[in-house]
């Protein structure tokens, strides 16, 4: 029973993380739909006359899939649709990385963030989550409600909320990975070229002697 509860908690957490990510991505793109539609053409995967209409439709599809997953409605079809979209995203990003075409990601709307291997890693993780949601057994309503008391139902929510929070934090860290690496390397280079207090003292003593 505990194993089933753990599996149910994991699947619900994956569904929530996937749904929130899709809903956020779709809503962010809708803020500047024209810019995103133009951005789809920059990937140079589809003809321009096909890429633009897809660019206009894609955010609405993401938002709808995300809302369905968060609400727990039509989970299997929504999971399959999310997996197909993540596969297409991974293919588009992978092709452009192979071309060394570091175009803006447009993953969360129009921004200057360019694609990289961290982008592909995030999409692959979302793809695995979508596959798990699509093919995994869905928890029954009794998992959170049933005959359990309100206290027991509340306790069952704790691992779901915790896993969902960790999942969202992990995706955020993957997205911020290039900035973390750049900040770390720049500080390392700066400290390497900046003389320490000891080296300045030694230099002054040498000048005096």
C-alpha atoms as a PDB file:
ATOM      1  CA  UNK A   1       0.000   0.000   0.000  1.00  0.00           C
ATOM      2  CA  UNK A   2       2.863   2.365   0.852  1.00  0.00           C
ATOM      3  CA  UNK A   3       4.491   1.663  -2.511  1.00  0.00           C
ATOM      4  CA  UNK A   4       1.248   2.470  -4.313  1.00  0.00           C
ATOM      5  CA  UNK A   5       0.888   5.699  -2.344  1.00  0.00           C
ATOM      6  CA  UNK A   6       4.491   6.683  -3.167  1.00  0.00           C
ATOM      7  CA  UNK A   7       3.902   5.996  -6.857  1.00  0.00           C
ATOM      8  CA  UNK A   8       0.668   7.959  -6.810  1.00  0.00           C
ATOM      9  CA  UNK A   9       2.372  10.886  -5.099  1.00  0.00           C
ATOM     10  CA  UNK A  10       5.179  10.854  -7.653  1.00  0.00           C
ATOM     11  CA  UNK A  11       2.797  10.769 -10.618  1.00  0.00           C
ATOM     12  CA  UNK A  12       0.639  13.558  -9.217  1.00  0.00           C
ATOM     13  CA  UNK A  13       3.767  15.640  -8.590  1.00  0.00           C
ATOM     14  CA  UNK A  14       5.042  15.047 -12.124  1.00  0.00           C
ATOM     15  CA  UNK A  15       1.638  15.978 -13.513  1.00  0.00           C
ATOM     16  CA  UNK A  16       1.543  19.213 -11.536  1.00  0.00           C
ATOM     17  CA  UNK A  17       5.099  20.207 -12.460  1.00  0.00           C
ATOM     18  CA  UNK A  18       4.443  19.419 -16.116  1.00  0.00           C
ATOM     19  CA  UNK A  19       1.101  21.223 -16.100  1.00  0.00           C
ATOM     20  CA  UNK A  20       2.423  24.332 -14.371  1.00  0.00           C
ATOM     21  CA  UNK A  21       5.405  24.495 -16.720  1.00  0.00           C
ATOM     22  CA  UNK A  22       3.214  24.196 -19.821  1.00  0.00           C
ATOM     23  CA  UNK A  23       0.678  26.711 -18.507  1.00  0.00           C
ATOM     24  CA  UNK A  24       3.422  29.212 -17.625  1.00  0.00           C
ATOM     25  CA  UNK A  25       5.136  28.746 -20.992  1.00  0.00           C
ATOM     26  CA  UNK A  26       1.886  29.216 -22.907  1.00  0.00           C
ATOM     27  CA  UNK A  27       0.812  32.268 -20.915  1.00  0.00           C
ATOM     28  CA  UNK A  28       4.264  33.864 -21.308  1.00  0.00           C
ATOM     29  CA  UNK A  29       4.166  33.401 -25.082  1.00  0.00           C
ATOM     30  CA  UNK A  30       0.694  34.926 -25.310  1.00  0.00           C
ATOM     31  CA  UNK A  31       2.007  38.181 -23.841  1.00  0.00           C
ATOM     32  CA  UNK A  32       3.818  38.818 -27.139  1.00  0.00           C
ATOM     33  CA  UNK A  33       2.286  36.382 -29.578  1.00  0.00           C
ATOM     34  CA  UNK A  34       3.561  38.096 -32.728  1.00  0.00           C
ATOM     35  CA  UNK A  35       7.177  37.986 -31.534  1.00  0.00           C
ATOM     36  CA  UNK A  36       6.880  34.302 -30.669  1.00  0.00           C
ATOM     37  CA  UNK A  37       5.322  33.460 -34.036  1.00  0.00           C
ATOM     38  CA  UNK A  38       8.270  35.171 -35.735  1.00  0.00           C
ATOM     39  CA  UNK A  39      10.637  33.314 -33.418  1.00  0.00           C
ATOM     40  CA  UNK A  40       9.322  29.931 -34.528  1.00  0.00           C
ATOM     41  CA  UNK A  41      10.478  30.757 -38.058  1.00  0.00           C
ATOM     42  CA  UNK A  42      14.028  31.347 -36.771  1.00  0.00           C
ATOM     43  CA  UNK A  43      14.372  27.656 -35.971  1.00  0.00           C
ATOM     44  CA  UNK A  44      14.246  26.980 -39.737  1.00  0.00           C
ATOM     45  CA  UNK A  45      12.563  23.601 -39.302  1.00  0.00           C
ATOM     46  CA  UNK A  46       9.324  24.350 -41.119  1.00  0.00           C
ATOM     47  CA  UNK A  47       8.542  26.536 -44.135  1.00  0.00           C
ATOM     48  CA  UNK A  48       7.764  30.136 -43.174  1.00  0.00           C
ATOM     49  CA  UNK A  49       4.148  29.870 -44.350  1.00  0.00           C
ATOM     50  CA  UNK A  50       3.686  26.901 -42.005  1.00  0.00           C
ATOM     51  CA  UNK A  51       5.826  28.059 -39.066  1.00  0.00           C
ATOM     52  CA  UNK A  52       3.936  31.302 -38.487  1.00  0.00           C
ATOM     53  CA  UNK A  53       0.450  29.719 -38.086  1.00  0.00           C
ATOM     54  CA  UNK A  54       1.930  27.057 -35.810  1.00  0.00           C
ATOM     55  CA  UNK A  55       3.589  29.810 -33.815  1.00  0.00           C
ATOM     56  CA  UNK A  56       0.194  31.445 -33.265  1.00  0.00           C
ATOM     57  CA  UNK A  57      -1.478  28.184 -32.233  1.00  0.00           C
ATOM     58  CA  UNK A  58       1.284  26.706 -30.079  1.00  0.00           C
ATOM     59  CA  UNK A  59       0.865  28.899 -26.965  1.00  0.00           C
ATOM     60  CA  UNK A  60      -2.856  28.189 -26.805  1.00  0.00           C
ATOM     61  CA  UNK A  61      -2.139  24.470 -27.043  1.00  0.00           C
ATOM     62  CA  UNK A  62       0.461  24.683 -24.266  1.00  0.00           C
ATOM     63  CA  UNK A  63      -1.863  26.659 -22.023  1.00  0.00           C
ATOM     64  CA  UNK A  64      -4.745  24.236 -22.596  1.00  0.00           C
ATOM     65  CA  UNK A  65      -2.585  21.157 -21.931  1.00  0.00           C
ATOM     66  CA  UNK A  66      -1.153  22.755 -18.814  1.00  0.00           C
ATOM     67  CA  UNK A  67      -4.567  23.640 -17.402  1.00  0.00           C
ATOM     68  CA  UNK A  68      -5.892  20.140 -18.079  1.00  0.00           C
ATOM     69  CA  UNK A  69      -2.922  18.544 -16.326  1.00  0.00           C
ATOM     70  CA  UNK A  70      -3.152  20.824 -13.303  1.00  0.00           C
ATOM     71  CA  UNK A  71      -6.907  20.277 -13.055  1.00  0.00           C
ATOM     72  CA  UNK A  72      -6.503  16.509 -13.445  1.00  0.00           C
ATOM     73  CA  UNK A  73      -8.857  16.334 -16.435  1.00  0.00           C
ATOM     74  CA  UNK A  74      -8.265  14.142 -19.517  1.00  0.00           C
ATOM     75  CA  UNK A  75      -4.882  13.260 -18.057  1.00  0.00           C
ATOM     76  CA  UNK A  76      -3.926  10.545 -20.540  1.00  0.00           C
ATOM     77  CA  UNK A  77      -4.655  12.574 -23.721  1.00  0.00           C
ATOM     78  CA  UNK A  78      -3.047  15.656 -22.190  1.00  0.00           C
ATOM     79  CA  UNK A  79       0.034  13.636 -21.248  1.00  0.00           C
ATOM     80  CA  UNK A  80       0.324  12.210 -24.753  1.00  0.00           C
ATOM     81  CA  UNK A  81      -0.047  15.700 -26.265  1.00  0.00           C
ATOM     82  CA  UNK A  82       2.596  17.064 -23.897  1.00  0.00           C
ATOM     83  CA  UNK A  83       4.969  14.222 -24.820  1.00  0.00           C
ATOM     84  CA  UNK A  84       4.484  14.873 -28.544  1.00  0.00           C
ATOM     85  CA  UNK A  85       5.089  18.593 -28.104  1.00  0.00           C
ATOM     86  CA  UNK A  86       8.214  18.009 -25.997  1.00  0.00           C
ATOM     87  CA  UNK A  87       9.509  15.603 -28.655  1.00  0.00           C
ATOM     88  CA  UNK A  88       9.020  18.261 -31.324  1.00  0.00           C
ATOM     89  CA  UNK A  89      10.698  20.891 -29.123  1.00  0.00           C
ATOM     90  CA  UNK A  90      13.656  18.592 -28.430  1.00  0.00           C
ATOM     91  CA  UNK A  91      14.055  17.846 -32.129  1.00  0.00           C
ATOM     92  CA  UNK A  92      13.966  21.539 -33.069  1.00  0.00           C
ATOM     93  CA  UNK A  93      16.477  22.528 -30.380  1.00  0.00           C
ATOM     94  CA  UNK A  94      18.748  19.560 -31.123  1.00  0.00           C
ATOM     95  CA  UNK A  95      18.869  20.346 -34.848  1.00  0.00           C
ATOM     96  CA  UNK A  96      19.759  23.981 -34.208  1.00  0.00           C
ATOM     97  CA  UNK A  97      22.411  23.044 -31.659  1.00  0.00           C
ATOM     98  CA  UNK A  98      23.909  20.718 -34.270  1.00  0.00           C
ATOM     99  CA  UNK A  99      23.854  23.618 -36.719  1.00  0.00           C
ATOM    100  CA  UNK A 100      25.514  25.789 -34.041  1.00  0.00           C
ATOM    101  CA  UNK A 101      22.636  28.189 -34.514  1.00  0.00           C
ATOM    102  CA  UNK A 102      22.285  29.742 -31.046  1.00  0.00           C
ATOM    103  CA  UNK A 103      18.970  31.453 -31.594  1.00  0.00           C
ATOM    104  CA  UNK A 104      16.725  32.791 -28.815  1.00  0.00           C
ATOM    105  CA  UNK A 105      14.859  30.021 -27.035  1.00  0.00           C
ATOM    106  CA  UNK A 106      11.378  31.585 -26.942  1.00  0.00           C
ATOM    107  CA  UNK A 107      10.556  28.844 -24.409  1.00  0.00           C
ATOM    108  CA  UNK A 108       8.853  31.288 -22.073  1.00  0.00           C
ATOM    109  CA  UNK A 109       7.974  34.037 -24.496  1.00  0.00           C
ATOM    110  CA  UNK A 110      10.089  36.577 -26.304  1.00  0.00           C
ATOM    111  CA  UNK A 111      13.426  36.922 -24.520  1.00  0.00           C
ATOM    112  CA  UNK A 112      17.123  37.166 -25.244  1.00  0.00           C
ATOM    113  CA  UNK A 113      17.864  33.765 -23.682  1.00  0.00           C
ATOM    114  CA  UNK A 114      19.560  31.603 -26.277  1.00  0.00           C
ATOM    115  CA  UNK A 115      19.264  27.856 -26.642  1.00  0.00           C
ATOM    116  CA  UNK A 116      21.960  25.579 -25.271  1.00  0.00           C
ATOM    117  CA  UNK A 117      22.437  22.079 -23.989  1.00  0.00           C
ATOM    118  CA  UNK A 118      20.665  23.129 -20.783  1.00  0.00           C
ATOM    119  CA  UNK A 119      17.587  23.863 -22.924  1.00  0.00           C
ATOM    120  CA  UNK A 120      17.673  20.380 -24.412  1.00  0.00           C
ATOM    121  CA  UNK A 121      18.165  18.833 -20.968  1.00  0.00           C
ATOM    122  CA  UNK A 122      15.120  20.648 -19.578  1.00  0.00           C
ATOM    123  CA  UNK A 123      12.958  19.564 -22.522  1.00  0.00           C
ATOM    124  CA  UNK A 124      14.087  15.931 -22.208  1.00  0.00           C
ATOM    125  CA  UNK A 125      13.214  15.919 -18.511  1.00  0.00           C
ATOM    126  CA  UNK A 126       9.776  17.316 -19.310  1.00  0.00           C
ATOM    127  CA  UNK A 127       9.403  14.679 -22.029  1.00  0.00           C
ATOM    128  CA  UNK A 128      10.155  11.905 -19.532  1.00  0.00           C
ATOM    129  CA  UNK A 129       7.635  13.405 -17.120  1.00  0.00           C
ATOM    130  CA  UNK A 130       5.007  13.570 -19.882  1.00  0.00           C
ATOM    131  CA  UNK A 131       5.592   9.932 -20.827  1.00  0.00           C
ATOM    132  CA  UNK A 132       5.289   8.873 -17.174  1.00  0.00           C
ATOM    133  CA  UNK A 133       2.037  10.824 -16.799  1.00  0.00           C
ATOM    134  CA  UNK A 134       0.643   9.415 -20.053  1.00  0.00           C
ATOM    135  CA  UNK A 135       1.395   5.741 -19.412  1.00  0.00           C
ATOM    136  CA  UNK A 136       1.447   5.614 -15.627  1.00  0.00           C
ATOM    137  CA  UNK A 137      -1.538   4.482 -13.571  1.00  0.00           C
ATOM    138  CA  UNK A 138      -3.602   7.435 -12.437  1.00  0.00           C
ATOM    139  CA  UNK A 139      -4.415   7.590  -8.715  1.00  0.00           C
ATOM    140  CA  UNK A 140      -8.010   6.948  -7.835  1.00  0.00           C
ATOM    141  CA  UNK A 141     -10.069   9.668  -6.153  1.00  0.00           C
ATOM    142  CA  UNK A 142      -9.811   7.649  -2.946  1.00  0.00           C
ATOM    143  CA  UNK A 143      -6.080   8.399  -2.905  1.00  0.00           C
ATOM    144  CA  UNK A 144      -6.727  11.907  -1.569  1.00  0.00           C
ATOM    145  CA  UNK A 145     -10.297  11.568  -0.347  1.00  0.00           C
ATOM    146  CA  UNK A 146     -12.053   8.260   0.080  1.00  0.00           C
ATOM    147  CA  UNK A 147     -12.711   7.226   3.673  1.00  0.00           C
ATOM    148  CA  UNK A 148      -9.599   8.884   5.048  1.00  0.00           C
ATOM    149  CA  UNK A 149      -9.918  11.642   7.600  1.00  0.00           C
ATOM    150  CA  UNK A 150      -9.095  15.233   6.775  1.00  0.00           C
ATOM    151  CA  UNK A 151      -5.816  14.910   8.699  1.00  0.00           C
ATOM    152  CA  UNK A 152      -4.779  11.840   6.706  1.00  0.00           C
ATOM    153  CA  UNK A 153      -5.720  13.540   3.442  1.00  0.00           C
ATOM    154  CA  UNK A 154      -3.632  16.542   4.454  1.00  0.00           C
ATOM    155  CA  UNK A 155      -0.658  14.312   5.217  1.00  0.00           C
ATOM    156  CA  UNK A 156      -0.941  12.745   1.770  1.00  0.00           C
ATOM    157  CA  UNK A 157      -0.624  16.200   0.219  1.00  0.00           C
ATOM    158  CA  UNK A 158       2.738  16.866   1.895  1.00  0.00           C
ATOM    159  CA  UNK A 159       4.881  14.602  -0.351  1.00  0.00           C
ATOM    160  CA  UNK A 160       3.000  15.817  -3.445  1.00  0.00           C
ATOM    161  CA  UNK A 161       3.657  19.473  -2.610  1.00  0.00           C
ATOM    162  CA  UNK A 162       7.271  18.730  -1.651  1.00  0.00           C
ATOM    163  CA  UNK A 163       8.061  16.778  -4.816  1.00  0.00           C
ATOM    164  CA  UNK A 164       6.332  19.379  -6.977  1.00  0.00           C
ATOM    165  CA  UNK A 165       8.335  22.185  -5.357  1.00  0.00           C
ATOM    166  CA  UNK A 166      11.611  20.306  -5.854  1.00  0.00           C
ATOM    167  CA  UNK A 167      10.695  19.624  -9.475  1.00  0.00           C
ATOM    168  CA  UNK A 168       9.997  23.281 -10.202  1.00  0.00           C
ATOM    169  CA  UNK A 169      13.189  24.327  -8.421  1.00  0.00           C
ATOM    170  CA  UNK A 170      15.218  21.793 -10.426  1.00  0.00           C
ATOM    171  CA  UNK A 171      13.808  23.111 -13.714  1.00  0.00           C
ATOM    172  CA  UNK A 172      14.566  26.674 -12.622  1.00  0.00           C
ATOM    173  CA  UNK A 173      18.156  25.733 -11.766  1.00  0.00           C
ATOM    174  CA  UNK A 174      18.600  24.071 -15.155  1.00  0.00           C
ATOM    175  CA  UNK A 175      17.289  27.219 -16.831  1.00  0.00           C
ATOM    176  CA  UNK A 176      19.678  29.367 -14.768  1.00  0.00           C
ATOM    177  CA  UNK A 177      22.652  27.055 -15.324  1.00  0.00           C
ATOM    178  CA  UNK A 178      24.367  29.222 -18.004  1.00  0.00           C
ATOM    179  CA  UNK A 179      24.191  32.304 -15.771  1.00  0.00           C
ATOM    180  CA  UNK A 180      25.554  30.342 -12.799  1.00  0.00           C
ATOM    181  CA  UNK A 181      28.470  29.038 -14.870  1.00  0.00           C
ATOM    182  CA  UNK A 182      29.228  32.486 -16.306  1.00  0.00           C
ATOM    183  CA  UNK A 183      29.097  34.107 -12.871  1.00  0.00           C
ATOM    184  CA  UNK A 184      31.354  31.453 -11.375  1.00  0.00           C
ATOM    185  CA  UNK A 185      33.914  31.571 -14.183  1.00  0.00           C
ATOM    186  CA  UNK A 186      33.981  35.378 -14.288  1.00  0.00           C
ATOM    187  CA  UNK A 187      34.536  35.584 -10.541  1.00  0.00           C
ATOM    188  CA  UNK A 188      37.270  32.954 -10.793  1.00  0.00           C
ATOM    189  CA  UNK A 189      39.031  34.858 -13.576  1.00  0.00           C
ATOM    190  CA  UNK A 190      38.671  38.128 -11.705  1.00  0.00           C
ATOM    191  CA  UNK A 191      40.114  36.658  -8.512  1.00  0.00           C
ATOM    192  CA  UNK A 192      42.969  35.150 -10.503  1.00  0.00           C
ATOM    193  CA  UNK A 193      43.962  38.504 -11.965  1.00  0.00           C
ATOM    194  CA  UNK A 194      43.254  40.536  -8.816  1.00  0.00           C
ATOM    195  CA  UNK A 195      46.340  40.680  -6.556  1.00  0.00           C
ATOM    196  CA  UNK A 196      45.794  39.499  -3.019  1.00  0.00           C
ATOM    197  CA  UNK A 197      46.749  41.508   0.054  1.00  0.00           C
ATOM    198  CA  UNK A 198      49.726  39.218   0.686  1.00  0.00           C
ATOM    199  CA  UNK A 199      51.054  39.624  -2.851  1.00  0.00           C
ATOM    200  CA  UNK A 200      50.713  43.409  -2.597  1.00  0.00           C
ATOM    201  CA  UNK A 201      52.655  43.429   0.653  1.00  0.00           C
ATOM    202  CA  UNK A 202      55.415  41.296  -0.853  1.00  0.00           C
ATOM    203  CA  UNK A 203      55.570  43.576  -3.883  1.00  0.00           C
ATOM    204  CA  UNK A 204      55.866  46.672  -1.692  1.00  0.00           C
ATOM    205  CA  UNK A 205      58.604  45.121   0.421  1.00  0.00           C
ATOM    206  CA  UNK A 206      60.543  44.234  -2.699  1.00  0.00           C
ATOM    207  CA  UNK A 207      60.205  47.793  -3.958  1.00  0.00           C
ATOM    208  CA  UNK A 208      61.500  49.180  -0.634  1.00  0.00           C
ATOM    209  CA  UNK A 209      64.515  46.868  -0.604  1.00  0.00           C
END
